[in-house]
Amino acid sequence: AAMVDRDVAGGPLLRVDDTLAGLAALGAAGRARSAARIAAITGSVGKTTTKDMLRHGLSAFGVTHAAVASYNNHWGLPLTLARMPREAAYGVLEIGMNHRGEIAPLARLARPHVVVITQIGAAHIGHLGSLEEIAAEKADILEGLSAGGVAVLPRDSDFFPMLAERARAAGASVTGFGEHAAADARLLSADCGPLSSTAEVMLHGQHLTLSIGAPGRHLVVNALAALAAGTALGADPARFAAALDSFRPG
């Protein structure tokens, strides 16, 4: 059936006063019926790739439902939630924005157990005016975090202290990822070839080798964020890292 706010010809119809509100209600119903562990990812760059890596890794542990392509706005997120299979063990969502105030309502709809902020960059600076405003908007993903949740945050970012403070104020545990010496998920070294990359990483004191079928240090950092998020959702880190061996972008 098509959801409509006026009568149209052909096919079964679901008539509502407001199609956007109706879609949000369908998304909320999909989220409410699911027992899946949910991760939500935002960031100026890398969120779709990180989402795909997290979906790939979690699929080794159970049925995993993830956003299609970049379904990350007020249409795409509720559609993703509404389509979540009842048997899903994990859900991997992406949350994007163009203007201030867009992330918080989507985060509250998603109610994730784990949030990931990939990076803070200048995308959408024309709408928000400054990197500080972009960082504040990205941090609003924490407003939907479930009690006892985990925030996976970019430890190398100048905005990490603010993001971590917001996360702790929301009752979250913080996992910082990156190359910083104090990162909980730390990239120690990376060997990036023409078709693949291999890295040595340390996750909460555990040394792991991480390989992906894609070249680039930035993609290794995305994989590190996915590894941290998968572990926060309950996946065994060594098995998750091994599952990423078969990851290919696109």
Protein backbone atom coordinates (compact mmCIF):
# COMPACT_ATOMS: atom_id res chain seq x y z
CA ALA A 1 0.00 0.00 0.00
CA ALA A 2 1.08 3.57 -0.63
CA MET A 3 0.99 6.04 2.27
CA VAL A 4 -0.73 9.21 1.07
CA ASP A 5 -2.24 12.38 2.50
CA ARG A 6 -4.85 12.66 -0.25
CA ASP A 7 -6.78 10.29 -2.48
CA VAL A 8 -4.95 9.13 -5.59
CA ALA A 9 -5.92 6.66 -8.28
CA GLY A 10 -4.80 3.05 -8.35
CA GLY A 11 -3.64 0.48 -5.80
CA PRO A 12 -4.28 0.12 -2.07
CA LEU A 13 -3.72 3.27 -0.01
CA LEU A 14 -2.95 4.09 3.61
CA ARG A 15 -4.46 7.54 4.18
CA VAL A 16 -2.81 9.74 6.81
CA ASP A 17 -2.89 13.44 7.63
CA ASP A 18 0.89 13.82 7.36
CA THR A 19 3.01 11.34 5.41
CA LEU A 20 6.26 12.29 7.16
CA ALA A 21 4.68 11.80 10.59
CA GLY A 22 3.15 8.55 9.37
CA LEU A 23 6.51 7.29 8.19
CA ALA A 24 8.09 8.22 11.53
CA ALA A 25 5.33 6.25 13.29
CA LEU A 26 6.09 3.21 11.14
CA GLY A 27 9.77 3.57 12.02
CA ALA A 28 8.97 3.83 15.72
CA ALA A 29 6.82 0.70 15.50
CA GLY A 30 9.63 -1.17 13.75
CA ARG A 31 12.07 -0.14 16.44
CA ALA A 32 9.66 -1.03 19.26
CA ARG A 33 9.05 -4.57 18.03
CA SER A 34 12.77 -5.33 17.62
CA ALA A 35 15.06 -6.89 20.19
CA ALA A 36 18.10 -6.14 18.02
CA ARG A 37 21.18 -4.42 19.35
CA ILE A 38 21.34 -1.11 17.51
CA ALA A 39 24.27 1.05 16.39
CA ALA A 40 23.82 4.50 14.87
CA ILE A 41 26.60 6.22 12.95
CA THR A 42 27.09 9.87 12.06
CA GLY A 43 30.03 12.03 11.03
CA SER A 44 31.18 14.45 8.37
CA VAL A 45 32.95 11.73 6.37
CA GLY A 46 33.18 7.95 6.47
CA LYS A 47 29.78 7.13 7.94
CA THR A 48 28.49 5.02 5.04
CA THR A 49 31.73 3.05 4.75
CA THR A 50 31.86 2.52 8.52
CA LYS A 51 28.21 1.42 8.44
CA ASP A 52 29.00 -1.11 5.71
CA MET A 53 32.02 -2.41 7.62
CA LEU A 54 30.02 -2.77 10.83
CA ARG A 55 27.23 -4.59 8.99
CA HIS A 56 29.78 -6.91 7.36
CA GLY A 57 31.49 -7.75 10.64
CA LEU A 58 28.30 -8.25 12.64
CA SER A 59 26.87 -10.57 9.97
CA ALA A 60 29.32 -13.20 11.24
CA PHE A 61 27.45 -13.19 14.57
CA GLY A 62 23.78 -13.02 13.59
CA VAL A 63 21.13 -11.58 11.30
CA THR A 64 22.14 -7.97 10.67
CA HIS A 65 19.90 -5.30 9.18
CA ALA A 66 21.48 -2.12 7.87
CA ALA A 67 20.55 1.05 6.06
CA VAL A 68 20.58 0.82 2.27
CA ALA A 69 23.13 3.10 0.59
CA SER A 70 22.93 6.45 2.41
CA TYR A 71 19.39 6.17 3.83
CA ASN A 72 20.19 8.52 6.69
CA ASN A 73 17.64 11.34 6.81
CA HIS A 74 14.04 11.89 7.96
CA TRP A 75 12.85 9.59 5.16
CA GLY A 76 15.64 7.02 5.08
CA LEU A 77 16.02 6.31 8.80
CA PRO A 78 12.35 5.50 9.52
CA LEU A 79 12.21 3.38 6.35
CA THR A 80 15.23 1.42 7.59
CA LEU A 81 13.62 0.89 11.00
CA ALA A 82 10.25 -0.07 9.52
CA ARG A 83 11.93 -2.71 7.35
CA MET A 84 13.92 -4.30 10.19
CA PRO A 85 13.20 -8.05 10.31
CA ARG A 86 11.81 -9.37 13.57
CA GLU A 87 14.64 -11.90 13.74
CA ALA A 88 17.42 -9.33 13.38
CA ALA A 89 20.10 -9.61 16.06
CA TYR A 90 21.73 -6.33 15.05
CA GLY A 91 20.68 -3.11 13.37
CA VAL A 92 23.17 -0.68 11.83
CA LEU A 93 21.78 2.77 11.14
CA GLU A 94 23.19 5.90 9.55
CA ILE A 95 22.16 9.40 10.60
CA GLY A 96 22.98 12.43 8.47
CA MET A 97 22.11 16.11 8.50
CA ASN A 98 22.15 19.30 6.46
CA HIS A 99 20.94 21.80 9.07
CA ARG A 100 21.05 22.30 12.83
CA GLY A 101 18.46 20.35 14.79
CA GLU A 102 18.09 17.40 12.42
CA ILE A 103 20.10 14.70 14.21
CA ALA A 104 18.47 14.69 17.67
CA PRO A 105 14.94 13.62 16.57
CA LEU A 106 16.39 10.88 14.38
CA ALA A 107 18.56 9.64 17.25
CA ARG A 108 15.56 9.56 19.58
CA LEU A 109 13.68 7.52 16.97
CA ALA A 110 16.58 5.07 16.58
CA ARG A 111 17.32 4.65 20.32
CA PRO A 112 20.74 3.07 19.66
CA HIS A 113 22.79 1.11 22.16
CA VAL A 114 26.01 2.31 20.52
CA VAL A 115 26.71 5.53 18.64
CA VAL A 116 29.68 6.26 16.41
CA ILE A 117 30.89 9.69 15.37
CA THR A 118 33.42 9.11 12.59
CA GLN A 119 34.99 12.54 12.07
CA ILE A 120 34.16 16.23 12.37
CA GLY A 121 34.82 18.10 9.12
CA ALA A 122 33.68 21.03 7.03
CA ALA A 123 30.81 19.30 5.20
CA HIS A 124 27.64 21.45 5.57
CA ILE A 125 29.62 24.36 7.01
CA GLY A 126 27.64 26.63 4.69
CA HIS A 127 24.47 25.75 6.62
CA LEU A 128 25.94 25.60 10.13
CA GLY A 129 28.58 28.30 9.92
CA SER A 130 31.45 26.77 11.88
CA LEU A 131 33.13 23.50 12.79
CA GLU A 132 32.01 24.06 16.38
CA GLU A 133 28.37 24.08 15.29
CA ILE A 134 28.92 20.98 13.16
CA ALA A 135 30.49 19.18 16.13
CA ALA A 136 27.61 20.21 18.39
CA GLU A 137 25.08 18.91 15.88
CA LYS A 138 26.91 15.60 15.49
CA ALA A 139 27.03 15.27 19.28
CA ASP A 140 23.23 15.44 19.34
CA ILE A 141 23.20 11.78 18.29
CA LEU A 142 23.86 11.13 21.99
CA GLU A 143 20.37 12.39 22.84
CA GLY A 144 18.89 9.11 21.65
CA LEU A 145 21.40 6.77 23.27
CA SER A 146 19.88 3.98 25.34
CA ALA A 147 20.73 3.79 29.04
CA GLY A 148 24.17 2.33 29.61
CA GLY A 149 25.15 2.91 26.00
CA VAL A 150 28.58 3.36 24.44
CA ALA A 151 29.87 6.29 22.40
CA VAL A 152 32.65 5.51 19.91
CA LEU A 153 34.37 8.84 19.27
CA PRO A 154 37.28 10.15 17.14
CA ARG A 155 40.17 10.43 19.60
CA ASP A 156 42.35 12.37 17.15
CA SER A 157 39.77 15.14 16.71
CA ASP A 158 40.20 18.54 18.33
CA PHE A 159 36.56 18.14 19.36
CA PHE A 160 37.07 14.88 21.26
CA PRO A 161 37.01 16.54 24.72
CA MET A 162 33.64 18.18 23.98
CA LEU A 163 32.21 15.00 22.45
CA ALA A 164 33.39 12.89 25.39
CA GLU A 165 31.93 15.37 27.87
CA ARG A 166 28.58 15.27 26.08
CA ALA A 167 28.71 11.47 26.02
CA ARG A 168 29.41 11.14 29.73
CA ALA A 169 26.68 13.66 30.52
CA ALA A 170 24.32 11.34 28.61
CA GLY A 171 25.42 8.42 30.80
CA ALA A 172 27.52 6.77 28.10
CA SER A 173 30.81 4.95 28.30
CA VAL A 174 33.37 6.40 25.89
CA THR A 175 35.62 4.51 23.50
CA GLY A 176 38.04 6.74 21.65
CA PHE A 177 39.45 5.44 18.36
CA GLY A 178 42.36 6.64 16.24
CA GLU A 179 46.13 7.01 16.41
CA HIS A 180 46.27 9.04 19.62
CA ALA A 181 48.35 7.40 22.36
CA ALA A 182 45.35 7.51 24.70
CA ALA A 183 42.90 5.93 22.24
CA ASP A 184 41.02 2.90 23.56
CA ALA A 185 40.95 1.53 20.01
CA ARG A 186 44.37 2.53 18.72
CA LEU A 187 45.92 2.18 15.29
CA LEU A 188 49.53 1.12 15.87
CA SER A 189 50.63 0.67 12.26
CA ALA A 190 49.14 0.21 8.81
CA ASP A 191 50.44 -1.34 5.60
CA CYS A 192 48.29 -0.14 2.70
CA GLY A 193 48.76 -1.89 -0.64
CA PRO A 194 47.05 -1.27 -3.99
CA LEU A 195 44.08 -3.54 -3.22
CA SER A 196 44.10 -4.17 0.52
CA SER A 197 45.28 -2.87 3.88
CA THR A 198 46.57 -4.60 6.99
CA ALA A 199 46.90 -2.92 10.37
CA GLU A 200 48.09 -3.69 13.85
CA VAL A 201 45.66 -2.31 16.41
CA MET A 202 45.12 -2.31 20.16
CA LEU A 203 41.56 -2.52 21.46
CA HIS A 204 41.15 -2.08 25.21
CA GLY A 205 44.59 -3.61 25.71
CA GLN A 206 44.09 -6.51 23.28
CA HIS A 207 46.45 -6.65 20.30
CA LEU A 208 44.74 -7.54 17.02
CA THR A 209 45.58 -7.70 13.33
CA LEU A 210 42.99 -6.06 11.11
CA SER A 211 42.80 -6.61 7.34
CA ILE A 212 40.36 -5.21 4.78
CA GLY A 213 40.05 -5.62 1.03
CA ALA A 214 40.47 -1.92 0.35
CA PRO A 215 43.48 0.42 0.19
CA GLY A 216 43.91 3.47 2.37
CA ARG A 217 44.81 4.48 5.90
CA HIS A 218 41.52 6.38 6.24
CA LEU A 219 39.63 3.14 5.53
CA VAL A 220 41.68 1.35 8.19
CA VAL A 221 40.57 4.02 10.67
CA ASN A 222 36.95 3.44 9.59
CA ALA A 223 37.45 -0.29 10.16
CA LEU A 224 38.88 0.46 13.60
CA ALA A 225 35.73 2.43 14.47
CA ALA A 226 33.59 -0.47 13.22
CA LEU A 227 35.61 -2.92 15.30
CA ALA A 228 35.14 -0.78 18.41
CA ALA A 229 31.40 -0.49 17.77
CA GLY A 230 30.98 -4.20 17.06
CA THR A 231 32.77 -5.06 20.27
CA ALA A 232 30.56 -2.61 22.17
CA LEU A 233 27.53 -4.45 20.76
CA GLY A 234 28.85 -7.71 22.20
CA ALA A 235 30.85 -9.21 19.32
CA ASP A 236 34.11 -11.00 20.03
CA PRO A 237 36.80 -8.61 18.77
CA ALA A 238 39.08 -11.27 17.26
CA ARG A 239 36.21 -12.88 15.35
CA PHE A 240 34.96 -9.48 14.22
CA ALA A 241 38.43 -8.55 12.96
CA ALA A 242 38.67 -11.86 11.11
CA ALA A 243 35.28 -11.25 9.48
CA LEU A 244 36.54 -7.95 8.05
CA ASP A 245 39.14 -9.86 6.01
CA SER A 246 36.46 -10.41 3.36
CA PHE A 247 35.17 -6.82 3.33
CA ARG A 248 35.19 -5.13 -0.06
CA PRO A 249 33.84 -1.58 -0.55
CA GLY A 250 30.90 -0.91 -2.82
